[in-house]
Protein backbone atom coordinates (compact mmCIF):
# COMPACT_ATOMS: atom_id res chain seq x y z
CA UNK A 1 62.35 58.93 181.80
CA UNK A 2 62.55 56.19 179.18
CA UNK A 3 64.04 57.49 175.90
CA UNK A 4 63.93 54.11 174.23
CA UNK A 5 60.52 54.85 172.71
CA UNK A 6 62.14 57.65 170.63
CA UNK A 7 64.80 55.34 169.27
CA UNK A 8 62.82 54.19 166.17
CA UNK A 9 62.08 57.83 165.29
CA UNK A 10 65.74 58.77 165.65
CA UNK A 11 66.76 55.84 163.48
CA UNK A 12 64.23 56.76 160.79
CA UNK A 13 65.35 60.42 160.79
CA UNK A 14 69.00 59.40 160.60
CA UNK A 15 68.30 57.05 157.72
CA UNK A 16 66.33 59.81 155.94
CA UNK A 17 69.20 62.25 156.38
CA UNK A 18 71.67 59.72 155.04
CA UNK A 19 69.45 59.00 152.04
CA UNK A 20 68.98 62.72 151.33
CA UNK A 21 72.72 63.36 151.45
CA UNK A 22 73.47 60.38 149.30
CA UNK A 23 70.88 61.49 146.75
CA UNK A 24 71.58 65.21 147.00
CA UNK A 25 73.22 65.27 143.58
CA UNK A 26 70.09 63.69 142.13
CA UNK A 27 67.65 66.00 143.94
CA UNK A 28 69.27 69.43 144.01
CA UNK A 29 70.77 71.24 141.06
CA UNK A 30 71.80 74.76 140.18
CA UNK A 31 71.86 76.58 136.84
CA UNK A 32 74.16 79.49 136.08
CA UNK A 33 73.05 82.75 134.42
CA UNK A 34 74.19 81.46 131.02
CA UNK A 35 72.41 78.11 131.34
CA UNK A 36 68.91 76.78 130.70
CA UNK A 37 67.53 73.32 131.49
CA UNK A 38 64.85 71.02 130.16
CA UNK A 39 63.30 68.37 132.42
CA UNK A 40 62.86 64.73 131.41
CA UNK A 41 60.29 63.01 133.67
CA UNK A 42 60.68 59.26 133.50
CA UNK A 43 57.13 58.30 134.42
CA UNK A 44 55.14 61.15 132.82
CA UNK A 45 52.89 60.60 129.80
CA UNK A 46 54.98 63.18 127.92
CA UNK A 47 58.45 62.68 129.39
CA UNK A 48 60.22 65.70 127.84
CA UNK A 49 58.80 68.91 129.30
CA UNK A 50 60.00 71.15 126.49
CA UNK A 51 57.47 73.91 127.20
CA UNK A 52 58.69 74.67 130.72
CA UNK A 53 62.31 75.73 130.42
CA UNK A 54 64.21 75.88 133.70
CA UNK A 55 66.00 79.18 134.29
CA UNK A 56 69.05 80.11 136.36
CA UNK A 57 68.99 79.43 140.10
CA UNK A 58 68.69 76.64 142.67
CA UNK A 59 66.15 73.89 141.90
CA UNK A 60 64.79 70.57 143.25
CA UNK A 61 63.70 67.54 141.27
CA UNK A 62 62.75 63.94 141.80
CA UNK A 63 65.79 61.62 141.84
CA UNK A 64 64.49 59.59 138.92
CA UNK A 65 64.06 62.62 136.64
CA UNK A 66 66.83 64.05 134.48
CA UNK A 67 67.70 67.65 133.62
CA UNK A 68 69.51 68.43 130.39
CA UNK A 69 71.48 71.64 130.75
CA UNK A 70 72.24 73.89 127.78
CA UNK A 71 74.77 76.70 127.59
CA UNK A 72 72.91 79.58 125.94
CA UNK A 73 75.81 82.04 125.87
CA UNK A 74 77.20 83.14 122.52
CA UNK A 75 79.09 80.36 120.80
CA UNK A 76 81.57 80.46 117.93
CA UNK A 77 82.68 78.07 115.24
CA UNK A 78 85.32 78.47 112.54
CA UNK A 79 84.95 76.58 109.30
CA UNK A 80 87.34 76.11 106.39
CA UNK A 81 85.82 74.75 103.22
CA UNK A 82 86.23 74.48 99.47
CA UNK A 83 83.45 75.99 97.35
CA UNK A 84 82.83 76.53 93.65
CA UNK A 85 82.12 79.92 92.12
CA UNK A 86 79.59 80.56 89.34
CA UNK A 87 81.99 79.36 86.66
CA UNK A 88 83.08 76.26 88.59
CA UNK A 89 86.38 77.64 89.87
CA UNK A 90 87.51 76.16 93.21
CA UNK A 91 87.82 78.64 96.10
CA UNK A 92 89.01 78.00 99.65
CA UNK A 93 87.20 80.14 102.23
CA UNK A 94 87.48 80.54 106.02
CA UNK A 95 84.26 81.51 107.83
CA UNK A 96 83.55 82.44 111.45
CA UNK A 97 80.01 82.13 112.83
CA UNK A 98 78.72 83.44 116.17
CA UNK A 99 75.37 82.20 117.48
CA UNK A 100 73.43 80.99 120.51
CA UNK A 101 70.28 78.90 121.12
CA UNK A 102 67.00 80.69 121.71
CA UNK A 103 66.68 80.81 125.49
CA UNK A 104 63.12 79.49 125.67
CA UNK A 105 63.46 76.92 122.90
CA UNK A 106 66.14 74.56 124.17
CA UNK A 107 63.43 71.94 124.66
CA UNK A 108 62.71 71.88 120.93
CA UNK A 109 66.42 71.78 120.16
CA UNK A 110 66.90 68.86 122.54
CA UNK A 111 63.94 66.97 121.10
CA UNK A 112 65.26 67.24 117.54
CA UNK A 113 69.05 67.47 117.79
CA UNK A 114 69.88 66.83 121.47
CA UNK A 115 72.94 68.60 122.84
CA UNK A 116 74.90 67.83 119.69
CA UNK A 117 72.99 70.53 117.81
CA UNK A 118 76.15 72.36 116.70
CA UNK A 119 77.48 69.38 114.77
CA UNK A 120 74.08 68.19 113.59
CA UNK A 121 72.44 71.53 112.74
CA UNK A 122 74.61 74.66 112.78
CA UNK A 123 77.70 73.45 110.92
CA UNK A 124 75.86 71.64 108.06
CA UNK A 125 73.48 74.55 107.45
CA UNK A 126 76.26 77.14 107.49
CA UNK A 127 78.40 75.13 105.09
CA UNK A 128 75.45 74.56 102.76
CA UNK A 129 74.52 78.25 102.75
CA UNK A 130 78.10 79.35 102.06
CA UNK A 131 78.28 77.02 99.05
CA UNK A 132 74.90 78.11 97.67
CA UNK A 133 75.56 81.84 97.97
CA UNK A 134 79.11 81.78 96.61
CA UNK A 135 77.95 79.66 93.71
CA UNK A 136 75.98 82.69 92.50
CA UNK A 137 79.07 84.92 92.15
CA UNK A 138 82.32 84.86 90.20
CA UNK A 139 85.69 84.47 91.90
CA UNK A 140 86.55 88.10 91.12
CA UNK A 141 83.34 89.35 92.75
CA UNK A 142 83.88 87.20 95.83
CA UNK A 143 87.54 88.18 96.11
CA UNK A 144 87.19 91.91 95.54
CA UNK A 145 84.21 93.91 94.32
CA UNK A 146 81.28 92.18 96.04
CA UNK A 147 82.81 90.62 99.13
CA UNK A 148 80.59 92.58 101.61
CA UNK A 149 77.52 91.68 99.55
CA UNK A 150 78.44 87.98 99.57
CA UNK A 151 79.08 88.07 103.32
CA UNK A 152 75.73 89.78 103.95
CA UNK A 153 73.83 87.30 101.77
CA UNK A 154 75.35 84.31 103.57
CA UNK A 155 74.46 85.76 106.97
CA UNK A 156 70.89 86.62 105.94
CA UNK A 157 70.14 83.22 104.44
CA UNK A 158 71.83 81.24 107.22
CA UNK A 159 70.04 83.35 109.82
CA UNK A 160 66.68 82.57 108.20
CA UNK A 161 67.34 78.82 108.14
CA UNK A 162 68.78 78.50 111.64
CA UNK A 163 66.08 80.72 113.15
CA UNK A 164 63.21 78.74 111.61
CA UNK A 165 60.76 76.97 113.97
CA UNK A 166 62.30 73.72 115.17
CA UNK A 167 65.87 74.95 114.70
CA UNK A 168 65.66 77.90 117.13
CA UNK A 169 69.21 79.24 116.69
CA UNK A 170 69.96 82.97 116.81
CA UNK A 171 72.65 84.00 114.33
CA UNK A 172 74.72 86.84 115.81
CA UNK A 173 77.36 87.33 113.11
CA UNK A 174 79.01 85.69 110.13
CA UNK A 175 82.43 86.83 108.96
CA UNK A 176 84.53 85.73 106.00
CA UNK A 177 88.05 85.64 107.45
CA UNK A 178 89.91 84.84 104.26
CA UNK A 179 89.42 83.81 100.64
CA UNK A 180 92.12 81.82 98.83
CA UNK A 181 92.12 81.52 95.06
CA UNK A 182 94.43 79.55 92.76
CA UNK A 183 97.63 81.62 92.39
CA UNK A 184 97.23 82.23 88.67
CA UNK A 185 93.66 83.46 89.07
CA UNK A 186 94.57 85.66 92.04
CA UNK A 187 97.40 87.35 90.13
CA UNK A 188 95.15 87.92 87.13
CA UNK A 189 92.45 89.53 89.28
CA UNK A 190 94.94 91.71 91.13
CA UNK A 191 96.53 92.81 87.84
CA UNK A 192 93.11 93.69 86.43
CA UNK A 193 92.22 95.68 89.54
CA UNK A 194 95.55 97.51 89.31
CA UNK A 195 94.89 98.43 85.68
CA UNK A 196 91.40 99.63 86.57
CA UNK A 197 92.81 101.84 89.32
CA UNK A 198 95.42 103.27 86.93
CA UNK A 199 92.71 103.97 84.35
CA UNK A 200 90.61 105.75 86.97
CA UNK A 201 93.64 107.81 88.02
CA UNK A 202 94.29 108.75 84.36
CA UNK A 203 90.66 109.77 83.89
CA UNK A 204 90.92 111.90 87.02
CA UNK A 205 94.02 113.66 85.69
CA UNK A 206 92.31 114.31 82.35
CA UNK A 207 89.25 115.78 84.05
CA UNK A 208 91.49 117.95 86.23
CA UNK A 209 93.39 119.26 83.18
CA UNK A 210 90.13 119.93 81.33
CA UNK A 211 88.83 121.86 84.33
CA UNK A 212 92.04 123.92 84.52
CA UNK A 213 91.92 124.66 80.78
CA UNK A 214 88.28 125.73 81.09
CA UNK A 215 89.15 127.99 84.02
CA UNK A 216 91.95 129.66 82.03
CA UNK A 217 89.68 130.11 78.99
CA UNK A 218 87.00 131.77 81.07
CA UNK A 219 89.58 134.02 82.75
CA UNK A 220 91.05 135.00 79.37
CA UNK A 221 87.63 135.77 77.93
CA UNK A 222 86.86 137.90 80.96
CA UNK A 223 90.11 139.83 80.62
CA UNK A 224 89.56 140.37 76.89
CA UNK A 225 86.04 141.64 77.52
CA UNK A 226 87.38 144.04 80.15
CA UNK A 227 90.01 145.34 77.73
CA UNK A 228 87.38 145.91 75.04
CA UNK A 229 85.26 147.90 77.44
CA UNK A 230 88.27 150.03 78.47
CA UNK A 231 89.37 150.62 74.83
CA UNK A 232 85.88 151.66 73.82
CA UNK A 233 85.76 154.17 76.66
CA UNK A 234 89.19 155.81 75.88
CA UNK A 235 88.16 158.72 73.57
CA UNK A 236 90.51 161.57 72.54
CA UNK A 237 88.65 164.02 74.74
CA UNK A 238 88.98 161.71 77.76
CA UNK A 239 92.70 161.21 77.14
CA UNK A 240 93.22 165.01 76.88
CA UNK A 241 91.31 165.55 80.11
CA UNK A 242 93.39 162.90 81.89
CA UNK A 243 96.54 164.56 80.51
CA UNK A 244 95.50 167.96 81.83
CA UNK A 245 94.76 166.46 85.24
CA UNK A 246 98.19 164.79 85.28
CA UNK A 247 99.86 168.09 84.26
CA UNK A 248 98.13 169.91 87.03
CA UNK A 249 99.26 167.37 89.57
CA UNK A 250 102.83 167.58 88.32
CA UNK A 251 102.75 171.38 88.47
CA UNK A 252 102.08 171.17 92.15
CA UNK A 253 105.02 168.81 92.61
CA UNK A 254 108.32 170.31 93.84
CA UNK A 255 110.19 168.23 91.25
CA UNK A 256 108.46 169.82 88.25
CA UNK A 257 110.60 172.41 86.40
CA UNK A 258 109.19 173.13 82.91
CA UNK A 259 105.74 172.38 81.48
CA UNK A 260 105.19 173.03 77.76
CA UNK A 261 101.46 172.88 77.04
CA UNK A 262 100.43 171.66 73.62
CA UNK A 263 103.92 170.76 72.45
CA UNK A 264 103.43 166.99 72.48
CA UNK A 265 101.70 164.81 69.86
CA UNK A 266 97.89 164.91 69.88
CA UNK A 267 98.09 168.24 71.74
CA UNK A 268 98.93 166.68 75.10
CA UNK A 269 101.14 168.60 77.52
CA UNK A 270 104.88 168.07 77.28
CA UNK A 271 106.73 168.12 80.58
CA UNK A 272 110.42 168.99 80.63
CA UNK A 273 112.92 169.12 83.38
CA UNK A 274 112.46 167.67 86.84
CA UNK A 275 114.76 165.87 89.20
């Protein structure tokens, strides 16, 4: 049997295998669960296929096409910046932002900002929003009384901007880590807050004393009213009757020795003797 006629086929298959292995990195690719890809087809009429986002898993592509992979897990940036309050006072603020790209919109992000979207989109918009919001408040409000309100306003406005069509960023959280004021201003604000707390404590003590005085007044009025009722009910006849009842009880007592009836003032019994 002549196997030489199969030699060209074997050579072609071997060459194909070699080519496939050599181009395997250009043909096969895999995306992790936290990744999404957008295909760029070199010879298509619309090269960037931003509407068909590639999900996690094992995939095949033509060697001449490119896949741009995006990490869509939650990302975090920390920014330190100087801002001006409503009166023009300089404030140093540290902000932490957590975010991630919209899973099905990485094509739009790539078309507009490419994979440098954090530097070109997220950071500038966050910094701009922080400055705009803090410029509507005084340093005292930002530092103490309205800090949660300021933080919420920055998050809401930044979330609206970053989530707009074309930006496609999901804002997960925005936290103000620290606020640094000029030392003189900080001490003045802290002293004012301390005085306000002392004033509130003094007002509380006054209210407590007023409540206690009112309670004592009501108790005294009640006791006086009770005494008036008792005094009005104590007639001479009632007192004599109570005296007779007491005499009778004493007569039955083994300690009673002498009972003189009618010898006391007002005709009440006079009791003499007894152990």
